Amino acid sequence: MATPLLLASTTSPALCDITDAEMDAAGNGTHEIRNWVAVAGAVAGNKGEVIMYENVPGCGCGMMQLQVA
């Protein structure tokens, strides 16, 4: 899961340089990385726990619940 990378550095050039075209080429669900960047900024270094993750068949992505302490 990409969460440790995002929490470590949300200004990583690797994240900042991803283009819409690259995300589109990678397939379904890849634009979700923007949601993870927003979450990483919102929790501001606080520890969290993944409560659940469910793959959504047929769409190439899933749903997750994260609890931040």
C-alpha atoms as a PDB file:
ATOM      1  CA  MET A   1       0.000   0.000   0.000  1.00  0.00           C
ATOM      2  CA  ALA A   2       1.255   3.506  -0.794  1.00  0.00           C
ATOM      3  CA  THR A   3       0.267   5.009   2.577  1.00  0.00           C
ATOM      4  CA  PRO A   4       3.779   4.909   4.167  1.00  0.00           C
ATOM      5  CA  LEU A   5       5.234   6.685   1.123  1.00  0.00           C
ATOM      6  CA  LEU A   6       2.584   9.388   1.278  1.00  0.00           C
ATOM      7  CA  LEU A   7       2.888   9.915   4.999  1.00  0.00           C
ATOM      8  CA  ALA A   8       6.669  10.106   4.748  1.00  0.00           C
ATOM      9  CA  SER A   9       6.691  12.922   2.213  1.00  0.00           C
ATOM     10  CA  THR A  10       3.798  14.484   0.366  1.00  0.00           C
ATOM     11  CA  THR A  11       6.214  16.748  -1.512  1.00  0.00           C
ATOM     12  CA  SER A  12       8.142  13.893  -3.082  1.00  0.00           C
ATOM     13  CA  PRO A  13       9.076  14.691  -6.686  1.00  0.00           C
ATOM     14  CA  ALA A  14       7.881  11.197  -7.582  1.00  0.00           C
ATOM     15  CA  LEU A  15       4.375  12.151  -6.460  1.00  0.00           C
ATOM     16  CA  CYS A  16       4.403  15.729  -7.724  1.00  0.00           C
ATOM     17  CA  ASP A  17       5.520  14.716 -11.209  1.00  0.00           C
ATOM     18  CA  ILE A  18       2.715  12.217 -11.905  1.00  0.00           C
ATOM     19  CA  THR A  19       0.630  13.578 -14.769  1.00  0.00           C
ATOM     20  CA  ASP A  20      -3.030  12.923 -15.572  1.00  0.00           C
ATOM     21  CA  ALA A  21      -1.911  11.106 -18.722  1.00  0.00           C
ATOM     22  CA  GLU A  22       0.365   8.789 -16.718  1.00  0.00           C
ATOM     23  CA  MET A  23      -2.450   8.026 -14.278  1.00  0.00           C
ATOM     24  CA  ASP A  24      -4.863   7.343 -17.127  1.00  0.00           C
ATOM     25  CA  ALA A  25      -2.347   4.994 -18.744  1.00  0.00           C
ATOM     26  CA  ALA A  26      -1.889   3.078 -15.463  1.00  0.00           C
ATOM     27  CA  GLY A  27      -5.553   2.084 -15.349  1.00  0.00           C
ATOM     28  CA  ASN A  28      -8.647   2.330 -13.166  1.00  0.00           C
ATOM     29  CA  GLY A  29      -8.299   3.686  -9.661  1.00  0.00           C
ATOM     30  CA  THR A  30      -4.965   5.429 -10.144  1.00  0.00           C
ATOM     31  CA  HIS A  31      -6.408   8.929  -9.693  1.00  0.00           C
ATOM     32  CA  GLU A  32      -7.130   7.810  -6.109  1.00  0.00           C
ATOM     33  CA  ILE A  33      -3.526   8.772  -5.271  1.00  0.00           C
ATOM     34  CA  ARG A  34      -4.773  12.371  -5.026  1.00  0.00           C
ATOM     35  CA  ASN A  35      -7.144  11.310  -2.257  1.00  0.00           C
ATOM     36  CA  TRP A  36      -4.241   9.748  -0.349  1.00  0.00           C
ATOM     37  CA  VAL A  37      -2.209  12.947  -0.685  1.00  0.00           C
ATOM     38  CA  ALA A  38      -5.158  14.896   0.776  1.00  0.00           C
ATOM     39  CA  VAL A  39      -5.486  12.408   3.661  1.00  0.00           C
ATOM     40  CA  ALA A  40      -1.747  12.588   4.374  1.00  0.00           C
ATOM     41  CA  GLY A  41      -2.005  16.371   4.608  1.00  0.00           C
ATOM     42  CA  ALA A  42      -5.091  16.209   6.825  1.00  0.00           C
ATOM     43  CA  VAL A  43      -3.566  13.826   9.371  1.00  0.00           C
ATOM     44  CA  ALA A  44      -0.338  15.852   9.531  1.00  0.00           C
ATOM     45  CA  GLY A  45       1.879  13.063  10.840  1.00  0.00           C
ATOM     46  CA  ASN A  46      -0.630  11.552  13.289  1.00  0.00           C
ATOM     47  CA  LYS A  47      -0.673   7.777  13.492  1.00  0.00           C
ATOM     48  CA  GLY A  48      -3.557   5.909  11.952  1.00  0.00           C
ATOM     49  CA  GLU A  49      -4.875   2.389  11.588  1.00  0.00           C
ATOM     50  CA  VAL A  50      -6.469   0.791   8.558  1.00  0.00           C
ATOM     51  CA  ILE A  51      -9.803  -0.527   9.830  1.00  0.00           C
ATOM     52  CA  MET A  52     -10.884  -2.219   6.615  1.00  0.00           C
ATOM     53  CA  TYR A  53     -10.156  -2.383   2.900  1.00  0.00           C
ATOM     54  CA  GLU A  54     -12.524  -3.924   0.379  1.00  0.00           C
ATOM     55  CA  ASN A  55     -11.711  -4.468  -3.244  1.00  0.00           C
ATOM     56  CA  VAL A  56     -14.560  -3.389  -5.528  1.00  0.00           C
ATOM     57  CA  PRO A  57     -14.766  -6.091  -8.203  1.00  0.00           C
ATOM     58  CA  GLY A  58     -14.842  -4.875 -11.779  1.00  0.00           C
ATOM     59  CA  CYS A  59     -13.666  -1.307 -11.190  1.00  0.00           C
ATOM     60  CA  GLY A  60      -9.980  -1.739 -10.347  1.00  0.00           C
ATOM     61  CA  CYS A  61     -10.151   0.092  -7.033  1.00  0.00           C
ATOM     62  CA  GLY A  62     -11.461  -0.364  -3.516  1.00  0.00           C
ATOM     63  CA  MET A  63     -12.797   1.288  -0.402  1.00  0.00           C
ATOM     64  CA  MET A  64     -10.878   1.822   2.816  1.00  0.00           C
ATOM     65  CA  GLN A  65     -11.637   3.057   6.287  1.00  0.00           C
ATOM     66  CA  LEU A  66      -8.749   4.718   8.126  1.00  0.00           C
ATOM     67  CA  GLN A  67      -8.991   5.721  11.782  1.00  0.00           C
ATOM     68  CA  VAL A  68      -6.580   8.434  12.896  1.00  0.00           C
ATOM     69  CA  ALA A  69      -5.671   8.574  16.596  1.00  0.00           C
END
